[in-house]
Amino acid sequence: LLDRLRFALGAERVGLMEFHNGSKNLSDVPFLYADMRYESADTSLVAWQYQNVSLSHYPLASVLFDRGYWYGSMSELEAVDRRLAGNMKMNGVGYAAFMLLETADTPLGVLSVSYRSDSLALAEKRKLGGSIRRTGAALCGLLTK
């Protein structure tokens, strides 16, 4: 699914980060973490090594839990999450989209699509929106089996 999405959109990278409870605080409240489990990337790119990422360190996580998605350039992302934007810029990303994957009551992970270019034409944004939603729905079905 990730390869098909990347090729259909002409993106440089598509990734799936899955959530897990890495640890708990003293009140037994779990902290939410994410691991990059699957990735489809252009052969010229180095695989991202994201393991045990604490979502509390990245403000974009709150936006995703609130809205369910986010997309834009890295300069737009800086206004939301300076740390993530900096990391992605260092990896050559100019534009990205993120979609929260969840069931009715359980967050499962995040599907991401990234491009080197820092902008997309309106038609490309529409195609990205529809494609990421369809692929996200299919992944939710697979992740809950």
C-alpha atoms as a PDB file:
ATOM      1  CA  LEU A   1       0.000   0.000   0.000  1.00  0.00           C
ATOM      2  CA  LEU A   2       2.770   2.450   0.873  1.00  0.00           C
ATOM      3  CA  ASP A   3       4.653   1.865  -2.374  1.00  0.00           C
ATOM      4  CA  ARG A   4       1.458   2.292  -4.407  1.00  0.00           C
ATOM      5  CA  LEU A   5       0.639   5.532  -2.596  1.00  0.00           C
ATOM      6  CA  ARG A   6       4.152   6.933  -3.096  1.00  0.00           C
ATOM      7  CA  PHE A   7       4.216   6.119  -6.806  1.00  0.00           C
ATOM      8  CA  ALA A   8       0.654   7.359  -7.407  1.00  0.00           C
ATOM      9  CA  LEU A   9       1.439  10.704  -5.763  1.00  0.00           C
ATOM     10  CA  GLY A  10       4.998  11.125  -7.043  1.00  0.00           C
ATOM     11  CA  ALA A  11       6.136  11.552  -3.432  1.00  0.00           C
ATOM     12  CA  GLU A  12       9.668  10.937  -2.193  1.00  0.00           C
ATOM     13  CA  ARG A  13       8.612   9.160   1.001  1.00  0.00           C
ATOM     14  CA  VAL A  14       5.547   7.552   2.590  1.00  0.00           C
ATOM     15  CA  GLY A  15       5.718   6.269   6.134  1.00  0.00           C
ATOM     16  CA  LEU A  16       3.590   4.589   8.770  1.00  0.00           C
ATOM     17  CA  MET A  17       4.300   5.344  12.413  1.00  0.00           C
ATOM     18  CA  GLU A  18       2.492   3.082  14.878  1.00  0.00           C
ATOM     19  CA  PHE A  19       1.637   4.211  18.405  1.00  0.00           C
ATOM     20  CA  HIS A  20       2.489   2.292  21.550  1.00  0.00           C
ATOM     21  CA  ASN A  21       2.620   2.890  25.291  1.00  0.00           C
ATOM     22  CA  GLY A  22       6.321   3.002  26.014  1.00  0.00           C
ATOM     23  CA  SER A  23       6.028   3.704  29.728  1.00  0.00           C
ATOM     24  CA  LYS A  24       3.799   5.175  32.428  1.00  0.00           C
ATOM     25  CA  ASN A  25       4.077   7.992  34.927  1.00  0.00           C
ATOM     26  CA  LEU A  26       3.817   7.514  38.691  1.00  0.00           C
ATOM     27  CA  SER A  27       0.025   7.799  38.503  1.00  0.00           C
ATOM     28  CA  ASP A  28      -0.013   4.887  36.037  1.00  0.00           C
ATOM     29  CA  VAL A  29      -0.990   7.141  33.087  1.00  0.00           C
ATOM     30  CA  PRO A  30       0.623   5.843  29.889  1.00  0.00           C
ATOM     31  CA  PHE A  31       2.851   8.000  27.723  1.00  0.00           C
ATOM     32  CA  LEU A  32       2.178   7.698  24.019  1.00  0.00           C
ATOM     33  CA  TYR A  33       5.122   6.845  21.781  1.00  0.00           C
ATOM     34  CA  ALA A  34       5.465   6.045  18.078  1.00  0.00           C
ATOM     35  CA  ASP A  35       7.780   3.895  15.961  1.00  0.00           C
ATOM     36  CA  MET A  36       8.362   4.172  12.218  1.00  0.00           C
ATOM     37  CA  ARG A  37       7.278   0.633  11.304  1.00  0.00           C
ATOM     38  CA  TYR A  38       6.970   0.786   7.534  1.00  0.00           C
ATOM     39  CA  GLU A  39       8.351   3.124   4.938  1.00  0.00           C
ATOM     40  CA  SER A  40       8.500   3.477   1.176  1.00  0.00           C
ATOM     41  CA  ALA A  41      11.205   5.888   0.064  1.00  0.00           C
ATOM     42  CA  ASP A  42      13.013   6.968  -3.063  1.00  0.00           C
ATOM     43  CA  THR A  43      16.213   4.907  -3.334  1.00  0.00           C
ATOM     44  CA  SER A  44      18.326   8.046  -2.962  1.00  0.00           C
ATOM     45  CA  LEU A  45      16.952   8.649   0.551  1.00  0.00           C
ATOM     46  CA  VAL A  46      18.206   7.213   3.828  1.00  0.00           C
ATOM     47  CA  ALA A  47      15.563   5.399   5.871  1.00  0.00           C
ATOM     48  CA  TRP A  48      14.261   7.367   8.837  1.00  0.00           C
ATOM     49  CA  GLN A  49      15.173   5.748  12.130  1.00  0.00           C
ATOM     50  CA  TYR A  50      12.329   6.917  14.351  1.00  0.00           C
ATOM     51  CA  GLN A  51      11.890   4.575  17.320  1.00  0.00           C
ATOM     52  CA  ASN A  52      10.276   5.311  20.681  1.00  0.00           C
ATOM     53  CA  VAL A  53       9.404   8.873  19.682  1.00  0.00           C
ATOM     54  CA  SER A  54       7.639  10.575  22.589  1.00  0.00           C
ATOM     55  CA  LEU A  55       4.641  12.350  21.100  1.00  0.00           C
ATOM     56  CA  SER A  56       4.651  14.852  23.958  1.00  0.00           C
ATOM     57  CA  HIS A  57       7.798  16.378  22.388  1.00  0.00           C
ATOM     58  CA  TYR A  58       6.048  17.200  19.120  1.00  0.00           C
ATOM     59  CA  PRO A  59       3.177  19.733  19.108  1.00  0.00           C
ATOM     60  CA  LEU A  60       1.987  18.415  15.727  1.00  0.00           C
ATOM     61  CA  ALA A  61       0.658  15.359  17.593  1.00  0.00           C
ATOM     62  CA  SER A  62      -1.914  17.563  19.358  1.00  0.00           C
ATOM     63  CA  VAL A  63      -3.023  19.008  16.024  1.00  0.00           C
ATOM     64  CA  LEU A  64      -3.435  15.512  14.592  1.00  0.00           C
ATOM     65  CA  PHE A  65      -5.461  14.319  17.586  1.00  0.00           C
ATOM     66  CA  ASP A  66      -7.653  17.417  17.263  1.00  0.00           C
ATOM     67  CA  ARG A  67      -8.097  17.694  13.463  1.00  0.00           C
ATOM     68  CA  GLY A  68      -7.098  14.257  12.209  1.00  0.00           C
ATOM     69  CA  TYR A  69      -4.701  15.615   9.570  1.00  0.00           C
ATOM     70  CA  TRP A  70      -2.194  18.324   8.703  1.00  0.00           C
ATOM     71  CA  TYR A  71      -0.485  19.274   5.431  1.00  0.00           C
ATOM     72  CA  GLY A  72       1.769  22.075   4.258  1.00  0.00           C
ATOM     73  CA  SER A  73       5.286  23.317   3.652  1.00  0.00           C
ATOM     74  CA  MET A  74       8.044  23.120   6.232  1.00  0.00           C
ATOM     75  CA  SER A  75       7.804  26.879   6.778  1.00  0.00           C
ATOM     76  CA  GLU A  76       4.110  26.369   7.632  1.00  0.00           C
ATOM     77  CA  LEU A  77       5.010  23.439   9.883  1.00  0.00           C
ATOM     78  CA  GLU A  78       7.494  25.631  11.771  1.00  0.00           C
ATOM     79  CA  ALA A  79       4.548  27.665  13.072  1.00  0.00           C
ATOM     80  CA  VAL A  80       3.068  24.464  14.555  1.00  0.00           C
ATOM     81  CA  ASP A  81       6.104  22.322  15.424  1.00  0.00           C
ATOM     82  CA  ARG A  82       9.548  23.892  15.079  1.00  0.00           C
ATOM     83  CA  ARG A  83      11.436  20.736  16.137  1.00  0.00           C
ATOM     84  CA  LEU A  84       9.718  18.429  13.644  1.00  0.00           C
ATOM     85  CA  ALA A  85      10.034  20.995  10.846  1.00  0.00           C
ATOM     86  CA  GLY A  86      13.771  21.299  11.538  1.00  0.00           C
ATOM     87  CA  ASN A  87      14.242  17.516  11.504  1.00  0.00           C
ATOM     88  CA  MET A  88      12.315  17.158   8.273  1.00  0.00           C
ATOM     89  CA  LYS A  89      14.171  20.025   6.580  1.00  0.00           C
ATOM     90  CA  MET A  90      17.486  18.349   7.477  1.00  0.00           C
ATOM     91  CA  ASN A  91      16.151  15.266   5.650  1.00  0.00           C
ATOM     92  CA  GLY A  92      15.375  17.305   2.527  1.00  0.00           C
ATOM     93  CA  VAL A  93      11.605  17.537   3.004  1.00  0.00           C
ATOM     94  CA  GLY A  94       9.872  20.621   1.626  1.00  0.00           C
ATOM     95  CA  TYR A  95       6.195  19.648   1.886  1.00  0.00           C
ATOM     96  CA  ALA A  96       4.407  16.970   3.918  1.00  0.00           C
ATOM     97  CA  ALA A  97       1.013  15.595   4.835  1.00  0.00           C
ATOM     98  CA  PHE A  98       0.077  13.645   7.959  1.00  0.00           C
ATOM     99  CA  MET A  99      -3.097  11.713   8.712  1.00  0.00           C
ATOM    100  CA  LEU A 100      -4.070  10.233  12.064  1.00  0.00           C
ATOM    101  CA  LEU A 101      -5.053   6.578  11.796  1.00  0.00           C
ATOM    102  CA  GLU A 102      -7.648   5.561  14.371  1.00  0.00           C
ATOM    103  CA  THR A 103     -10.625   3.376  15.116  1.00  0.00           C
ATOM    104  CA  ALA A 104     -13.692   4.813  16.847  1.00  0.00           C
ATOM    105  CA  ASP A 105     -11.893   4.888  20.197  1.00  0.00           C
ATOM    106  CA  THR A 106      -8.248   4.000  19.628  1.00  0.00           C
ATOM    107  CA  PRO A 107      -5.458   5.995  17.940  1.00  0.00           C
ATOM    108  CA  LEU A 108      -3.323   3.588  15.890  1.00  0.00           C
ATOM    109  CA  GLY A 109      -0.667   5.720  14.234  1.00  0.00           C
ATOM    110  CA  VAL A 110       0.136   8.316  11.594  1.00  0.00           C
ATOM    111  CA  LEU A 111       0.423   7.976   7.832  1.00  0.00           C
ATOM    112  CA  SER A 112       2.833  10.514   6.340  1.00  0.00           C
ATOM    113  CA  VAL A 113       3.648  11.587   2.791  1.00  0.00           C
ATOM    114  CA  SER A 114       6.563  13.878   2.011  1.00  0.00           C
ATOM    115  CA  TYR A 115       8.012  15.688  -0.979  1.00  0.00           C
ATOM    116  CA  ARG A 116      11.260  17.546  -1.683  1.00  0.00           C
ATOM    117  CA  SER A 117       9.291  20.366  -3.282  1.00  0.00           C
ATOM    118  CA  ASP A 118       7.980  23.009  -0.885  1.00  0.00           C
ATOM    119  CA  SER A 119       4.631  23.442  -2.645  1.00  0.00           C
ATOM    120  CA  LEU A 120       1.995  21.455  -4.499  1.00  0.00           C
ATOM    121  CA  ALA A 121      -0.486  22.624  -7.124  1.00  0.00           C
ATOM    122  CA  LEU A 122      -4.151  22.586  -6.102  1.00  0.00           C
ATOM    123  CA  ALA A 123      -4.859  19.473  -8.208  1.00  0.00           C
ATOM    124  CA  GLU A 124      -1.945  17.677  -6.537  1.00  0.00           C
ATOM    125  CA  LYS A 125      -3.260  18.665  -3.078  1.00  0.00           C
ATOM    126  CA  ARG A 126      -6.691  17.278  -3.944  1.00  0.00           C
ATOM    127  CA  LYS A 127      -5.184  14.033  -5.206  1.00  0.00           C
ATOM    128  CA  LEU A 128      -3.035  13.814  -2.059  1.00  0.00           C
ATOM    129  CA  GLY A 129      -6.068  14.375   0.194  1.00  0.00           C
ATOM    130  CA  GLY A 130      -8.171  11.670  -1.438  1.00  0.00           C
ATOM    131  CA  SER A 131      -5.327   9.180  -1.719  1.00  0.00           C
ATOM    132  CA  ILE A 132      -4.102   9.554   1.867  1.00  0.00           C
ATOM    133  CA  ARG A 133      -7.682   9.127   3.185  1.00  0.00           C
ATOM    134  CA  ARG A 134      -8.287   5.944   1.144  1.00  0.00           C
ATOM    135  CA  THR A 135      -4.921   4.433   2.044  1.00  0.00           C
ATOM    136  CA  GLY A 136      -5.395   5.435   5.705  1.00  0.00           C
ATOM    137  CA  ALA A 137      -8.758   3.655   5.839  1.00  0.00           C
ATOM    138  CA  ALA A 138      -7.225   0.511   4.342  1.00  0.00           C
ATOM    139  CA  LEU A 139      -4.327   0.621   6.823  1.00  0.00           C
ATOM    140  CA  CYS A 140      -6.708   1.007   9.776  1.00  0.00           C
ATOM    141  CA  GLY A 141      -8.406  -2.196   8.663  1.00  0.00           C
ATOM    142  CA  LEU A 142      -5.077  -4.013   8.497  1.00  0.00           C
ATOM    143  CA  LEU A 143      -3.787  -2.649  11.819  1.00  0.00           C
ATOM    144  CA  THR A 144      -6.850  -3.794  13.738  1.00  0.00           C
ATOM    145  CA  LYS A 145      -6.858  -7.415  12.514  1.00  0.00           C
END
